[in-house]
Amino acid sequence: MAIAWVFPGQGSQAVGMGLDLLEVGQEKLAQAEQILGWSVLEKCQGEIAELSKTEYTQPCLYVVSAILLDILKAKGKAPDLVAGHSLGEYTALYCAGVLDYVTGLELVKARSLLMAEVSGGAMRVLMGFDRSKLEAIMAETDEVVLANDNSADQVVLSGVPEAIQTVCDRLKPKRALPLAVSGAFHSPMMAGAADQFAELLSQVKWQDAQVPVLSNVEPNDATTSGQILRDRLKQQMTSPVRWREICQYLSTEGYTQAVEVGAGKVLTGLIKRAAPGVQLVNISTLEQANAF
């Protein structure tokens, strides 16, 4: 049985999470508070509006996923492949041994602060639409890009609000929901933040991966090369998350099980639609981790 572990990104919420991980994750939670200057557990148990801020959401998701991951590894569990959705790629790199926990969290902290500073853009998730019509409209509309290609009938647009509205007016999807984010993530509008972040990435020591990693920007070529993974991560902030293709890769390459480790069940739902033959497991609590 070929098994992939996948890690959620900012589309998931860590609201209410963490209390069951307090004892087993004590060391990592303490390290996180020292690095971040605030308590992950308190944010997860606090107001949704506060946790939804990019500078809090991203570190909280990373820390919760990392603690759950450690529990699985302590039980002798290991994947054959890892992948993460946007922010989740950092947990995937930690899982694969490319980055240690502290380095990963320091990068996530810097990434979240840089992204939170970018304003003037918007993001909107679209569900239920004609795919070919969407592609035609996007080709004719400036200042908007496909930020997340999640599945055949779910995408996220990113860009100037007026341009996003133009696409929605012409496409008429069944649902179009704005995302509570500060800017147009995974679009050219993040170029300035991406350049600053690339400088930080170049200063980090990267190890080769212990298991193959599928990147958001190159979802058809799993690799263990730390150098290649670093270069791909540099592109991630301004490039689309090609999750639909990652799901297709799991199916065509014979992966029989996908285990989502972290908050929520967003990726489980996406894989179910795009790769229906893959067995799905969701691990978002201590009880589920211990039972796996």
Protein backbone atom coordinates (compact mmCIF):
# COMPACT_ATOMS: atom_id res chain seq x y z
CA MET A 1 0.00 0.00 0.00
CA ALA A 2 1.48 3.35 -1.09
CA ILE A 3 0.58 6.07 1.41
CA ALA A 4 0.72 9.85 1.06
CA TRP A 5 0.49 12.27 3.98
CA VAL A 6 -0.98 15.67 3.17
CA PHE A 7 -1.03 18.83 5.26
CA PRO A 8 -3.68 21.60 5.15
CA GLY A 9 -3.08 25.29 4.58
CA GLN A 10 -4.84 28.53 5.39
CA GLY A 11 -8.20 27.39 4.05
CA SER A 12 -8.49 25.27 7.21
CA GLN A 13 -9.19 26.63 10.67
CA ALA A 14 -7.55 25.63 13.96
CA VAL A 15 -10.41 27.10 16.01
CA GLY A 16 -10.88 25.12 19.22
CA MET A 17 -7.89 22.89 18.56
CA GLY A 18 -4.90 22.25 20.77
CA LEU A 19 -6.22 21.47 24.26
CA ASP A 20 -5.86 17.72 23.72
CA LEU A 21 -2.30 18.30 22.49
CA LEU A 22 -1.19 20.37 25.48
CA GLU A 23 0.66 17.60 27.30
CA VAL A 24 2.10 15.66 24.37
CA GLY A 25 3.00 18.86 22.51
CA GLN A 26 4.27 20.82 25.48
CA GLU A 27 7.82 21.23 24.17
CA LYS A 28 6.78 22.38 20.73
CA LEU A 29 4.14 24.74 22.10
CA ALA A 30 6.75 26.29 24.39
CA GLN A 31 9.22 26.67 21.53
CA ALA A 32 6.48 28.28 19.44
CA GLU A 33 5.62 30.80 22.15
CA GLN A 34 9.28 31.77 22.43
CA ILE A 35 9.61 32.25 18.66
CA LEU A 36 6.25 33.91 18.05
CA GLY A 37 5.86 35.93 21.24
CA TRP A 38 2.32 34.63 21.80
CA SER A 39 0.59 31.37 22.71
CA VAL A 40 -0.64 29.11 19.90
CA LEU A 41 -3.00 27.39 22.32
CA GLU A 42 -4.55 30.69 23.44
CA LYS A 43 -5.09 31.80 19.83
CA CYS A 44 -6.69 28.46 18.90
CA GLN A 45 -9.05 28.74 21.88
CA GLY A 46 -9.78 32.43 21.31
CA GLU A 47 -11.93 34.51 18.96
CA ILE A 48 -12.31 33.35 15.36
CA ALA A 49 -11.76 36.88 14.06
CA GLU A 50 -8.37 37.04 15.77
CA LEU A 51 -7.25 33.56 14.68
CA SER A 52 -8.33 34.31 11.10
CA LYS A 53 -5.61 36.96 10.79
CA THR A 54 -2.85 35.65 8.54
CA GLU A 55 -0.09 36.30 11.06
CA TYR A 56 -1.85 33.99 13.55
CA THR A 57 -3.53 31.44 11.29
CA GLN A 58 -0.40 30.23 9.54
CA PRO A 59 1.82 29.57 12.61
CA CYS A 60 -1.08 27.92 14.48
CA LEU A 61 -1.79 25.52 11.63
CA TYR A 62 1.90 24.67 11.27
CA VAL A 63 2.37 23.97 14.99
CA VAL A 64 -0.80 21.86 15.36
CA SER A 65 0.08 19.78 12.28
CA ALA A 66 3.67 19.31 13.48
CA ILE A 67 2.57 18.01 16.89
CA LEU A 68 0.13 15.54 15.34
CA LEU A 69 2.86 14.49 12.92
CA ASP A 70 5.26 13.82 15.80
CA ILE A 71 2.70 11.55 17.45
CA LEU A 72 2.40 9.48 14.27
CA LYS A 73 6.16 9.23 13.85
CA ALA A 74 6.57 8.16 17.50
CA LYS A 75 4.22 5.26 16.71
CA GLY A 76 6.52 4.19 13.87
CA LYS A 77 4.24 5.47 11.13
CA ALA A 78 5.78 6.90 7.97
CA PRO A 79 4.51 8.01 4.55
CA ASP A 80 5.80 7.13 1.11
CA LEU A 81 5.18 10.68 -0.13
CA VAL A 82 4.23 14.06 1.38
CA ALA A 83 2.51 17.16 0.05
CA GLY A 84 1.01 20.28 1.58
CA HIS A 85 -1.54 22.83 0.41
CA SER A 86 0.18 26.25 0.34
CA LEU A 87 1.24 26.79 3.97
CA GLY A 88 0.95 23.03 4.48
CA GLU A 89 4.01 22.55 2.30
CA TYR A 90 6.13 23.74 5.24
CA THR A 91 4.77 20.93 7.41
CA ALA A 92 5.43 18.52 4.54
CA LEU A 93 9.06 19.68 4.44
CA TYR A 94 9.34 19.22 8.20
CA CYS A 95 7.84 15.74 7.89
CA ALA A 96 10.36 14.84 5.18
CA GLY A 97 13.31 16.11 7.22
CA VAL A 98 14.15 18.96 4.85
CA LEU A 99 13.64 21.53 7.62
CA ASP A 100 13.70 21.11 11.38
CA TYR A 101 10.68 22.25 13.40
CA VAL A 102 12.16 25.53 14.65
CA THR A 103 13.49 26.58 11.23
CA GLY A 104 10.15 25.76 9.65
CA LEU A 105 8.27 27.82 12.23
CA GLU A 106 10.64 30.78 11.84
CA LEU A 107 10.01 30.70 8.08
CA VAL A 108 6.24 30.41 8.59
CA LYS A 109 6.33 33.36 10.99
CA ALA A 110 8.25 35.51 8.48
CA ARG A 111 5.99 34.38 5.62
CA SER A 112 2.81 35.17 7.53
CA LEU A 113 4.00 38.65 8.53
CA LEU A 114 5.11 39.51 4.99
CA MET A 115 1.82 38.28 3.52
CA ALA A 116 -0.23 40.11 6.15
CA GLU A 117 1.41 43.39 5.16
CA VAL A 118 0.25 43.14 1.53
CA SER A 119 -3.05 44.91 0.96
CA GLY A 120 -5.14 46.07 -1.98
CA GLY A 121 -6.09 42.64 -3.29
CA ALA A 122 -8.73 40.02 -2.59
CA MET A 123 -9.47 36.32 -2.96
CA ARG A 124 -12.70 34.51 -3.72
CA VAL A 125 -13.53 30.81 -3.87
CA LEU A 126 -15.76 29.69 -6.75
CA MET A 127 -17.78 26.46 -6.77
CA GLY A 128 -19.94 25.00 -9.50
CA PHE A 129 -19.02 26.43 -12.91
CA ASP A 130 -18.14 25.61 -16.49
CA ARG A 131 -14.38 24.98 -16.48
CA SER A 132 -13.79 25.82 -20.13
CA LYS A 133 -15.78 29.04 -19.78
CA LEU A 134 -13.71 30.01 -16.72
CA GLU A 135 -10.47 29.48 -18.62
CA ALA A 136 -11.71 31.61 -21.53
CA ILE A 137 -12.83 34.45 -19.24
CA MET A 138 -9.58 34.37 -17.28
CA ALA A 139 -7.59 34.65 -20.51
CA GLU A 140 -9.47 37.85 -21.33
CA THR A 141 -9.31 39.47 -17.87
CA ASP A 142 -6.30 41.31 -16.49
CA GLU A 143 -5.28 41.65 -12.83
CA VAL A 144 -6.81 38.37 -11.69
CA VAL A 145 -5.28 34.89 -11.58
CA LEU A 146 -6.19 31.37 -10.57
CA ALA A 147 -4.59 31.17 -7.12
CA ASN A 148 -5.80 27.74 -6.01
CA ASP A 149 -6.80 25.06 -8.51
CA ASN A 150 -8.38 22.81 -5.90
CA SER A 151 -10.59 20.56 -8.00
CA ALA A 152 -12.48 20.47 -11.29
CA ASP A 153 -15.34 22.50 -9.80
CA GLN A 154 -13.60 24.50 -7.05
CA VAL A 155 -11.00 27.23 -7.56
CA VAL A 156 -9.85 30.38 -5.80
CA LEU A 157 -9.35 33.63 -7.69
CA SER A 158 -6.83 36.21 -6.53
CA GLY A 159 -6.21 39.76 -7.65
CA VAL A 160 -7.81 43.18 -7.86
CA PRO A 161 -11.37 43.07 -6.41
CA GLU A 162 -12.93 44.67 -9.49
CA ALA A 163 -11.32 42.09 -11.78
CA ILE A 164 -12.52 39.23 -9.59
CA GLN A 165 -16.04 40.64 -9.71
CA THR A 166 -15.88 40.87 -13.50
CA VAL A 167 -15.01 37.18 -13.76
CA CYS A 168 -17.82 36.22 -11.38
CA ASP A 169 -20.38 38.35 -13.25
CA ARG A 170 -19.49 36.70 -16.55
CA LEU A 171 -19.04 33.14 -15.24
CA LYS A 172 -22.05 33.03 -12.88
CA PRO A 173 -20.81 30.19 -10.64
CA LYS A 174 -23.22 28.46 -8.27
CA ARG A 175 -21.31 29.89 -5.32
CA ALA A 176 -18.74 32.67 -4.95
CA LEU A 177 -17.47 33.30 -1.44
CA PRO A 178 -14.90 35.92 -0.41
CA LEU A 179 -11.98 34.71 1.69
CA ALA A 180 -11.01 36.51 4.90
CA VAL A 181 -7.45 37.33 3.86
CA SER A 182 -5.46 40.55 3.82
CA GLY A 183 -4.30 40.43 0.22
CA ALA A 184 -4.16 38.62 -3.10
CA PHE A 185 -2.13 35.57 -2.11
CA HIS A 186 -0.53 33.36 -4.80
CA SER A 187 -0.64 36.17 -7.34
CA PRO A 188 1.82 38.67 -8.86
CA MET A 189 0.65 41.17 -6.24
CA MET A 190 2.77 39.22 -3.72
CA ALA A 191 5.99 39.81 -5.70
CA GLY A 192 7.49 42.29 -3.24
CA ALA A 193 6.87 40.03 -0.26
CA ALA A 194 8.14 37.04 -2.24
CA ASP A 195 11.44 38.79 -3.02
CA GLN A 196 12.00 39.55 0.67
CA PHE A 197 11.11 36.00 1.63
CA ALA A 198 13.44 34.52 -1.00
CA GLU A 199 16.35 36.19 0.79
CA LEU A 200 15.41 34.37 3.99
CA LEU A 201 15.08 31.04 2.19
CA SER A 202 18.58 31.41 0.76
CA GLN A 203 20.02 31.69 4.29
CA VAL A 204 18.49 28.43 5.50
CA LYS A 205 20.31 25.10 5.45
CA TRP A 206 18.24 22.64 3.42
CA GLN A 207 18.56 18.86 3.76
CA ASP A 208 17.57 16.36 1.12
CA ALA A 209 14.17 14.84 1.85
CA GLN A 210 13.83 11.42 3.46
CA VAL A 211 10.70 10.77 1.37
CA PRO A 212 9.63 12.36 -1.94
CA VAL A 213 7.86 15.71 -1.74
CA LEU A 214 5.26 17.01 -4.21
CA SER A 215 5.39 20.80 -4.55
CA ASN A 216 2.48 23.16 -5.17
CA VAL A 217 4.25 24.71 -8.15
CA GLU A 218 5.38 21.41 -9.74
CA PRO A 219 2.77 18.78 -8.86
CA ASN A 220 3.90 16.14 -11.34
CA ASP A 221 7.48 15.67 -10.20
CA ALA A 222 8.06 14.37 -6.68
CA THR A 223 11.63 14.93 -5.55
CA THR A 224 13.94 14.44 -2.58
CA SER A 225 16.39 17.18 -3.63
CA GLY A 226 16.60 19.87 -0.97
CA GLN A 227 17.96 22.34 -3.52
CA ILE A 228 15.05 21.77 -5.91
CA LEU A 229 12.52 21.97 -3.08
CA ARG A 230 13.97 25.28 -1.92
CA ASP A 231 13.83 26.72 -5.44
CA ARG A 232 10.22 25.59 -5.83
CA LEU A 233 9.27 27.10 -2.49
CA LYS A 234 10.67 30.44 -3.65
CA GLN A 235 8.04 30.46 -6.41
CA GLN A 236 5.15 29.44 -4.19
CA MET A 237 4.05 32.84 -2.89
CA THR A 238 3.32 34.23 -6.38
CA SER A 239 2.35 30.98 -8.10
CA PRO A 240 -0.91 29.02 -8.07
CA VAL A 241 -1.47 26.08 -5.75
CA ARG A 242 -2.03 23.22 -8.22
CA TRP A 243 -3.79 20.89 -5.81
CA ARG A 244 -6.06 19.30 -8.42
CA GLU A 245 -2.97 18.00 -10.20
CA ILE A 246 -1.50 16.73 -6.93
CA CYS A 247 -4.69 14.71 -6.43
CA GLN A 248 -4.41 13.37 -9.97
CA TYR A 249 -0.77 12.39 -9.32
CA LEU A 250 -1.80 10.36 -6.28
CA SER A 251 -4.36 8.52 -8.39
CA THR A 252 -2.25 7.85 -11.47
CA GLU A 253 0.88 6.88 -9.52
CA GLY A 254 -0.96 4.23 -7.55
CA TYR A 255 -1.25 5.79 -4.09
CA THR A 256 -3.91 3.84 -2.25
CA GLN A 257 -4.26 5.97 0.88
CA ALA A 258 -4.05 9.69 1.70
CA VAL A 259 -3.77 10.77 5.33
CA GLU A 260 -4.63 14.40 6.08
CA VAL A 261 -2.74 15.51 9.18
CA GLY A 262 -3.86 18.80 10.73
CA ALA A 263 -6.86 21.05 11.26
CA GLY A 264 -10.10 20.32 9.42
CA LYS A 265 -10.98 18.05 6.50
CA VAL A 266 -10.55 20.38 3.53
CA LEU A 267 -7.97 18.27 1.69
CA THR A 268 -9.83 15.04 2.45
CA GLY A 269 -12.85 16.45 0.65
CA LEU A 270 -10.82 17.64 -2.34
CA ILE A 271 -9.02 14.32 -2.77
CA LYS A 272 -12.32 12.44 -2.50
CA ARG A 273 -13.66 14.32 -5.50
CA ALA A 274 -10.50 14.29 -7.63
CA ALA A 275 -9.17 10.81 -6.78
CA PRO A 276 -12.16 8.72 -5.65
CA GLY A 277 -10.17 5.49 -5.60
CA VAL A 278 -7.84 6.69 -2.84
CA GLN A 279 -8.68 5.62 0.73
CA LEU A 280 -8.92 8.66 3.02
CA VAL A 281 -7.94 9.13 6.66
CA ASN A 282 -8.27 12.37 8.63
CA ILE A 283 -6.15 13.04 11.71
CA SER A 284 -6.96 16.29 13.46
CA THR A 285 -7.10 15.22 17.12
CA LEU A 286 -4.93 13.35 19.61
CA GLU A 287 -7.48 10.53 19.73
CA GLN A 288 -7.37 10.07 15.95
CA ALA A 289 -3.55 10.14 15.94
CA ASN A 290 -3.34 7.52 18.67
CA ALA A 291 -5.88 5.31 16.90
CA PHE A 292 -4.13 5.39 13.52
